[in-house]
All heavy atoms as atom14 arrays in JSON, in Angstrom:
{
  "sequence": "MYRVGWFRQAPGQAREGLSCISSNGKSTQYAGSV",
  "atom14_mask": [
    [1, 1, 1, 1, 1, 1, 1, 1, 0, 0, 0, 0, 0, 0],
    [1, 1, 1, 1, 1, 1, 1, 1, 1, 1, 1, 1, 0, 0],
    [1, 1, 1, 1, 1, 1, 1, 1, 1, 1, 1, 0, 0, 0],
    [1, 1, 1, 1, 1, 1, 1, 0, 0, 0, 0, 0, 0, 0],
    [1, 1, 1, 1, 0, 0, 0, 0, 0, 0, 0, 0, 0, 0],
    [1, 1, 1, 1, 1, 1, 1, 1, 1, 1, 1, 1, 1, 1],
    [1, 1, 1, 1, 1, 1, 1, 1, 1, 1, 1, 0, 0, 0],
    [1, 1, 1, 1, 1, 1, 1, 1, 1, 1, 1, 0, 0, 0],
    [1, 1, 1, 1, 1, 1, 1, 1, 1, 0, 0, 0, 0, 0],
    [1, 1, 1, 1, 1, 0, 0, 0, 0, 0, 0, 0, 0, 0],
    [1, 1, 1, 1, 1, 1, 1, 0, 0, 0, 0, 0, 0, 0],
    [1, 1, 1, 1, 0, 0, 0, 0, 0, 0, 0, 0, 0, 0],
    [1, 1, 1, 1, 1, 1, 1, 1, 1, 0, 0, 0, 0, 0],
    [1, 1, 1, 1, 1, 0, 0, 0, 0, 0, 0, 0, 0, 0],
    [1, 1, 1, 1, 1, 1, 1, 1, 1, 1, 1, 0, 0, 0],
    [1, 1, 1, 1, 1, 1, 1, 1, 1, 0, 0, 0, 0, 0],
    [1, 1, 1, 1, 0, 0, 0, 0, 0, 0, 0, 0, 0, 0],
    [1, 1, 1, 1, 1, 1, 1, 1, 0, 0, 0, 0, 0, 0],
    [1, 1, 1, 1, 1, 1, 0, 0, 0, 0, 0, 0, 0, 0],
    [1, 1, 1, 1, 1, 1, 0, 0, 0, 0, 0, 0, 0, 0],
    [1, 1, 1, 1, 1, 1, 1, 1, 0, 0, 0, 0, 0, 0],
    [1, 1, 1, 1, 1, 1, 0, 0, 0, 0, 0, 0, 0, 0],
    [1, 1, 1, 1, 1, 1, 0, 0, 0, 0, 0, 0, 0, 0],
    [1, 1, 1, 1, 1, 1, 1, 1, 0, 0, 0, 0, 0, 0],
    [1, 1, 1, 1, 0, 0, 0, 0, 0, 0, 0, 0, 0, 0],
    [1, 1, 1, 1, 1, 1, 1, 1, 1, 0, 0, 0, 0, 0],
    [1, 1, 1, 1, 1, 1, 0, 0, 0, 0, 0, 0, 0, 0],
    [1, 1, 1, 1, 1, 1, 1, 0, 0, 0, 0, 0, 0, 0],
    [1, 1, 1, 1, 1, 1, 1, 1, 1, 0, 0, 0, 0, 0],
    [1, 1, 1, 1, 1, 1, 1, 1, 1, 1, 1, 1, 0, 0],
    [1, 1, 1, 1, 1, 0, 0, 0, 0, 0, 0, 0, 0, 0],
    [1, 1, 1, 1, 0, 0, 0, 0, 0, 0, 0, 0, 0, 0],
    [1, 1, 1, 1, 1, 1, 0, 0, 0, 0, 0, 0, 0, 0],
    [1, 1, 1, 1, 1, 1, 1, 0, 0, 0, 0, 0, 0, 0]
  ],
  "atom14_positions": [
    [[93.15, 43.81, 70.02], [94.25, 42.86, 70.14], [94.35, 42.02, 68.86], [95.14, 41.03, 68.81], [94.05, 41.92, 71.33], [94.12, 42.66, 72.66], [94.21, 41.55, 74.06], [92.53, 40.97, 74.06], [0.0, 0.0, 0.0], [0.0, 0.0, 0.0], [0.0, 0.0, 0.0], [0.0, 0.0, 0.0], [0.0, 0.0, 0.0], [0.0, 0.0, 0.0]],
    [[93.59, 42.39, 67.85], [93.52, 41.61, 66.6], [93.99, 42.4, 65.39], [93.63, 43.58, 65.23], [92.09, 41.13, 66.34], [91.62, 40.07, 67.34], [91.32, 40.38, 68.66], [91.53, 38.76, 66.91], [90.88, 39.4, 69.5], [91.11, 37.75, 67.78], [90.79, 38.09, 69.09], [90.37, 37.1, 69.96], [0.0, 0.0, 0.0], [0.0, 0.0, 0.0]],
    [[94.74, 41.74, 64.56], [94.98, 42.21, 63.2], [93.74, 41.99, 62.41], [93.1, 40.88, 62.49], [96.18, 41.49, 62.58], [96.29, 41.69, 61.06], [97.58, 41.13, 60.49], [98.01, 39.88, 61.06], [97.61, 38.68, 60.63], [96.73, 38.58, 59.63], [98.05, 37.59, 61.22], [0.0, 0.0, 0.0], [0.0, 0.0, 0.0], [0.0, 0.0, 0.0]],
    [[93.32, 42.94, 61.61], [92.08, 42.8, 60.86], [92.37, 43.03, 59.36], [93.13, 43.94, 58.97], [91.01, 43.83, 61.33], [89.77, 43.79, 60.44], [90.65, 43.53, 62.78], [0.0, 0.0, 0.0], [0.0, 0.0, 0.0], [0.0, 0.0, 0.0], [0.0, 0.0, 0.0], [0.0, 0.0, 0.0], [0.0, 0.0, 0.0], [0.0, 0.0, 0.0]],
    [[91.71, 42.25, 58.54], [91.88, 42.38, 57.09], [90.55, 42.48, 56.41], [89.52, 42.07, 56.93], [0.0, 0.0, 0.0], [0.0, 0.0, 0.0], [0.0, 0.0, 0.0], [0.0, 0.0, 0.0], [0.0, 0.0, 0.0], [0.0, 0.0, 0.0], [0.0, 0.0, 0.0], [0.0, 0.0, 0.0], [0.0, 0.0, 0.0], [0.0, 0.0, 0.0]],
    [[90.55, 43.01, 55.21], [89.4, 43.06, 54.36], [89.66, 42.24, 53.07], [90.75, 42.35, 52.47], [89.02, 44.49, 53.9], [88.41, 45.31, 55.0], [89.03, 46.18, 55.85], [87.02, 45.3, 55.35], [88.12, 46.73, 56.68], [86.87, 46.23, 56.41], [85.89, 44.67, 54.87], [85.62, 46.47, 56.98], [84.65, 44.87, 55.47], [84.51, 45.83, 56.51]],
    [[88.64, 41.48, 52.71], [88.7, 40.67, 51.48], [87.42, 40.91, 50.7], [86.48, 41.46, 51.2], [88.74, 39.16, 51.86], [90.02, 38.75, 52.57], [90.26, 39.04, 53.89], [90.97, 38.03, 51.86], [91.44, 38.67, 54.54], [92.15, 37.66, 52.48], [92.38, 37.97, 53.82], [0.0, 0.0, 0.0], [0.0, 0.0, 0.0], [0.0, 0.0, 0.0]],
    [[87.45, 40.44, 49.47], [86.22, 40.48, 48.65], [86.18, 39.29, 47.73], [87.2, 38.71, 47.39], [86.09, 41.76, 47.86], [87.12, 41.92, 46.71], [86.96, 43.28, 46.03], [87.98, 43.43, 45.0], [88.16, 44.58, 44.38], [87.49, 45.7, 44.71], [89.09, 44.71, 43.4], [0.0, 0.0, 0.0], [0.0, 0.0, 0.0], [0.0, 0.0, 0.0]],
    [[84.95, 38.92, 47.35], [84.76, 37.8, 46.45], [83.67, 38.14, 45.47], [82.51, 38.35, 45.87], [84.45, 36.54, 47.2], [84.44, 35.29, 46.28], [84.46, 34.0, 47.11], [84.08, 33.96, 48.27], [84.92, 32.92, 46.5], [0.0, 0.0, 0.0], [0.0, 0.0, 0.0], [0.0, 0.0, 0.0], [0.0, 0.0, 0.0], [0.0, 0.0, 0.0]],
    [[84.01, 38.22, 44.2], [83.07, 38.45, 43.12], [82.54, 37.08, 42.67], [83.19, 36.04, 42.82], [83.69, 39.22, 42.04], [0.0, 0.0, 0.0], [0.0, 0.0, 0.0], [0.0, 0.0, 0.0], [0.0, 0.0, 0.0], [0.0, 0.0, 0.0], [0.0, 0.0, 0.0], [0.0, 0.0, 0.0], [0.0, 0.0, 0.0], [0.0, 0.0, 0.0]],
    [[81.35, 37.06, 42.05], [80.77, 35.78, 41.58], [81.75, 35.03, 40.66], [82.29, 35.65, 39.7], [79.54, 36.24, 40.85], [79.15, 37.51, 41.51], [80.43, 38.17, 41.84], [0.0, 0.0, 0.0], [0.0, 0.0, 0.0], [0.0, 0.0, 0.0], [0.0, 0.0, 0.0], [0.0, 0.0, 0.0], [0.0, 0.0, 0.0], [0.0, 0.0, 0.0]],
    [[81.97, 33.78, 40.91], [82.85, 32.98, 40.07], [84.34, 33.2, 40.24], [85.11, 32.64, 39.45], [0.0, 0.0, 0.0], [0.0, 0.0, 0.0], [0.0, 0.0, 0.0], [0.0, 0.0, 0.0], [0.0, 0.0, 0.0], [0.0, 0.0, 0.0], [0.0, 0.0, 0.0], [0.0, 0.0, 0.0], [0.0, 0.0, 0.0], [0.0, 0.0, 0.0]],
    [[84.69, 34.06, 41.17], [86.1, 34.36, 41.37], [86.59, 33.96, 42.77], [85.79, 33.79, 43.65], [86.33, 35.86, 41.14], [86.03, 36.32, 39.69], [86.44, 37.78, 39.45], [87.33, 38.27, 40.13], [85.79, 38.38, 38.48], [0.0, 0.0, 0.0], [0.0, 0.0, 0.0], [0.0, 0.0, 0.0], [0.0, 0.0, 0.0], [0.0, 0.0, 0.0]],
    [[87.91, 33.85, 42.88], [88.48, 33.54, 44.2], [88.43, 34.74, 45.12], [88.3, 35.89, 44.65], [89.95, 33.1, 44.0], [0.0, 0.0, 0.0], [0.0, 0.0, 0.0], [0.0, 0.0, 0.0], [0.0, 0.0, 0.0], [0.0, 0.0, 0.0], [0.0, 0.0, 0.0], [0.0, 0.0, 0.0], [0.0, 0.0, 0.0], [0.0, 0.0, 0.0]],
    [[88.46, 34.46, 46.42], [88.48, 35.55, 47.35], [89.84, 36.3, 47.24], [90.84, 35.73, 47.13], [88.29, 35.02, 48.79], [88.02, 36.07, 49.78], [87.64, 35.43, 51.16], [86.38, 34.72, 51.1], [85.78, 34.21, 52.19], [86.36, 34.26, 53.34], [84.67, 33.58, 52.04], [0.0, 0.0, 0.0], [0.0, 0.0, 0.0], [0.0, 0.0, 0.0]],
    [[89.72, 37.64, 47.28], [90.86, 38.5, 47.07], [91.13, 39.32, 48.32], [90.22, 39.99, 48.84], [90.59, 39.46, 45.89], [91.68, 40.47, 45.62], [91.22, 41.5, 44.59], [90.05, 41.58, 44.23], [92.12, 42.3, 44.15], [0.0, 0.0, 0.0], [0.0, 0.0, 0.0], [0.0, 0.0, 0.0], [0.0, 0.0, 0.0], [0.0, 0.0, 0.0]],
    [[92.36, 39.31, 48.76], [92.77, 40.13, 49.93], [92.93, 41.57, 49.44], [93.55, 41.83, 48.39], [0.0, 0.0, 0.0], [0.0, 0.0, 0.0], [0.0, 0.0, 0.0], [0.0, 0.0, 0.0], [0.0, 0.0, 0.0], [0.0, 0.0, 0.0], [0.0, 0.0, 0.0], [0.0, 0.0, 0.0], [0.0, 0.0, 0.0], [0.0, 0.0, 0.0]],
    [[92.42, 42.52, 50.21], [92.47, 43.93, 49.86], [93.39, 44.75, 50.7], [94.14, 45.6, 50.22], [91.05, 44.52, 49.91], [89.97, 43.84, 49.09], [88.63, 44.49, 49.35], [90.34, 43.89, 47.62], [0.0, 0.0, 0.0], [0.0, 0.0, 0.0], [0.0, 0.0, 0.0], [0.0, 0.0, 0.0], [0.0, 0.0, 0.0], [0.0, 0.0, 0.0]],
    [[93.28, 44.53, 52.02], [94.02, 45.4, 52.94], [94.03, 44.75, 54.31], [93.2, 43.88, 54.64], [93.35, 46.76, 53.01], [94.05, 47.66, 53.84], [0.0, 0.0, 0.0], [0.0, 0.0, 0.0], [0.0, 0.0, 0.0], [0.0, 0.0, 0.0], [0.0, 0.0, 0.0], [0.0, 0.0, 0.0], [0.0, 0.0, 0.0], [0.0, 0.0, 0.0]],
    [[95.02, 45.16, 55.14], [95.03, 44.72, 56.56], [95.63, 45.82, 57.39], [96.33, 46.7, 56.84], [95.75, 43.4, 56.67], [97.48, 43.4, 56.24], [0.0, 0.0, 0.0], [0.0, 0.0, 0.0], [0.0, 0.0, 0.0], [0.0, 0.0, 0.0], [0.0, 0.0, 0.0], [0.0, 0.0, 0.0], [0.0, 0.0, 0.0], [0.0, 0.0, 0.0]],
    [[95.36, 45.77, 58.66], [95.82, 46.76, 59.61], [96.23, 46.09, 60.88], [95.6, 45.18, 61.38], [94.69, 47.83, 59.84], [95.18, 49.03, 60.6], [93.45, 47.17, 60.45], [94.24, 50.21, 60.6], [0.0, 0.0, 0.0], [0.0, 0.0, 0.0], [0.0, 0.0, 0.0], [0.0, 0.0, 0.0], [0.0, 0.0, 0.0], [0.0, 0.0, 0.0]],
    [[97.31, 46.61, 61.48], [97.8, 46.09, 62.73], [96.85, 46.39, 63.85], [95.96, 47.25, 63.73], [99.18, 46.66, 63.03], [99.1, 48.06, 63.16], [0.0, 0.0, 0.0], [0.0, 0.0, 0.0], [0.0, 0.0, 0.0], [0.0, 0.0, 0.0], [0.0, 0.0, 0.0], [0.0, 0.0, 0.0], [0.0, 0.0, 0.0], [0.0, 0.0, 0.0]],
    [[97.01, 45.7, 64.98], [96.1, 45.86, 66.06], [96.09, 47.29, 66.63], [95.05, 47.77, 67.07], [96.44, 44.88, 67.19], [97.77, 45.02, 67.6], [0.0, 0.0, 0.0], [0.0, 0.0, 0.0], [0.0, 0.0, 0.0], [0.0, 0.0, 0.0], [0.0, 0.0, 0.0], [0.0, 0.0, 0.0], [0.0, 0.0, 0.0], [0.0, 0.0, 0.0]],
    [[97.25, 47.95, 66.56], [97.3, 49.31, 67.06], [96.97, 50.36, 66.0], [96.98, 51.59, 66.26], [98.67, 49.64, 67.7], [99.8, 49.59, 66.68], [99.55, 49.42, 65.49], [101.02, 49.71, 67.16], [0.0, 0.0, 0.0], [0.0, 0.0, 0.0], [0.0, 0.0, 0.0], [0.0, 0.0, 0.0], [0.0, 0.0, 0.0], [0.0, 0.0, 0.0]],
    [[96.71, 49.95, 64.78], [96.33, 50.82, 63.72], [97.43, 51.61, 63.06], [97.19, 52.41, 62.17], [0.0, 0.0, 0.0], [0.0, 0.0, 0.0], [0.0, 0.0, 0.0], [0.0, 0.0, 0.0], [0.0, 0.0, 0.0], [0.0, 0.0, 0.0], [0.0, 0.0, 0.0], [0.0, 0.0, 0.0], [0.0, 0.0, 0.0], [0.0, 0.0, 0.0]],
    [[98.67, 51.32, 63.44], [99.81, 52.14, 62.95], [100.39, 51.6, 61.65], [101.22, 52.26, 61.01], [100.86, 52.3, 64.01], [100.4, 53.07, 65.23], [101.53, 53.24, 66.23], [101.09, 54.04, 67.43], [102.14, 54.2, 68.44], [0.0, 0.0, 0.0], [0.0, 0.0, 0.0], [0.0, 0.0, 0.0], [0.0, 0.0, 0.0], [0.0, 0.0, 0.0]],
    [[100.07, 50.43, 61.28], [100.67, 49.8, 60.08], [99.56, 49.2, 59.23], [98.66, 48.56, 59.74], [101.61, 48.71, 60.58], [102.22, 48.07, 59.48], [0.0, 0.0, 0.0], [0.0, 0.0, 0.0], [0.0, 0.0, 0.0], [0.0, 0.0, 0.0], [0.0, 0.0, 0.0], [0.0, 0.0, 0.0], [0.0, 0.0, 0.0], [0.0, 0.0, 0.0]],
    [[99.69, 49.42, 57.92], [98.71, 48.95, 56.98], [99.36, 48.38, 55.7], [100.55, 48.71, 55.44], [97.72, 50.07, 56.56], [98.5, 51.1, 55.92], [96.96, 50.63, 57.73], [0.0, 0.0, 0.0], [0.0, 0.0, 0.0], [0.0, 0.0, 0.0], [0.0, 0.0, 0.0], [0.0, 0.0, 0.0], [0.0, 0.0, 0.0], [0.0, 0.0, 0.0]],
    [[98.63, 47.54, 55.02], [99.07, 47.03, 53.7], [97.84, 47.02, 52.76], [96.72, 46.9, 53.2], [99.6, 45.58, 53.84], [100.88, 45.44, 54.64], [102.09, 45.89, 53.83], [102.03, 46.02, 52.62], [103.24, 46.09, 54.49], [0.0, 0.0, 0.0], [0.0, 0.0, 0.0], [0.0, 0.0, 0.0], [0.0, 0.0, 0.0], [0.0, 0.0, 0.0]],
    [[98.14, 47.14, 51.48], [97.09, 47.2, 50.47], [97.45, 46.37, 49.25], [98.64, 46.25, 48.9], [96.85, 48.63, 49.99], [96.31, 49.57, 51.04], [97.16, 50.35, 51.8], [94.91, 49.68, 51.25], [96.65, 51.2, 52.8], [94.39, 50.53, 52.22], [95.28, 51.28, 52.98], [94.76, 52.09, 53.95], [0.0, 0.0, 0.0], [0.0, 0.0, 0.0]],
    [[96.43, 45.82, 48.62], [96.59, 45.21, 47.35], [96.75, 46.28, 46.27], [96.19, 47.36, 46.38], [95.44, 44.34, 46.98], [0.0, 0.0, 0.0], [0.0, 0.0, 0.0], [0.0, 0.0, 0.0], [0.0, 0.0, 0.0], [0.0, 0.0, 0.0], [0.0, 0.0, 0.0], [0.0, 0.0, 0.0], [0.0, 0.0, 0.0], [0.0, 0.0, 0.0]],
    [[97.47, 45.97, 45.23], [97.71, 46.94, 44.16], [96.4, 47.4, 43.5], [96.28, 48.53, 43.02], [0.0, 0.0, 0.0], [0.0, 0.0, 0.0], [0.0, 0.0, 0.0], [0.0, 0.0, 0.0], [0.0, 0.0, 0.0], [0.0, 0.0, 0.0], [0.0, 0.0, 0.0], [0.0, 0.0, 0.0], [0.0, 0.0, 0.0], [0.0, 0.0, 0.0]],
    [[95.4, 46.51, 43.49], [94.12, 46.83, 42.83], [93.34, 47.93, 43.53], [92.46, 48.52, 42.9], [93.3, 45.56, 42.7], [93.04, 45.01, 44.0], [0.0, 0.0, 0.0], [0.0, 0.0, 0.0], [0.0, 0.0, 0.0], [0.0, 0.0, 0.0], [0.0, 0.0, 0.0], [0.0, 0.0, 0.0], [0.0, 0.0, 0.0], [0.0, 0.0, 0.0]],
    [[93.66, 48.19, 44.82], [92.89, 49.16, 45.54], [93.74, 50.25, 46.17], [93.2, 51.23, 46.67], [92.05, 48.47, 46.69], [91.11, 47.41, 46.08], [92.92, 47.91, 47.75], [0.0, 0.0, 0.0], [0.0, 0.0, 0.0], [0.0, 0.0, 0.0], [0.0, 0.0, 0.0], [0.0, 0.0, 0.0], [0.0, 0.0, 0.0], [0.0, 0.0, 0.0]]
  ]
}
């Protein structure tokens, strides 16, 4: 029932959003870097 996202944070840098997926898994989004 939850949308889930992945983020990352390198030392000394801001947290970066990478990807997310809808609760049913049918829709996704990605950052250009990945």
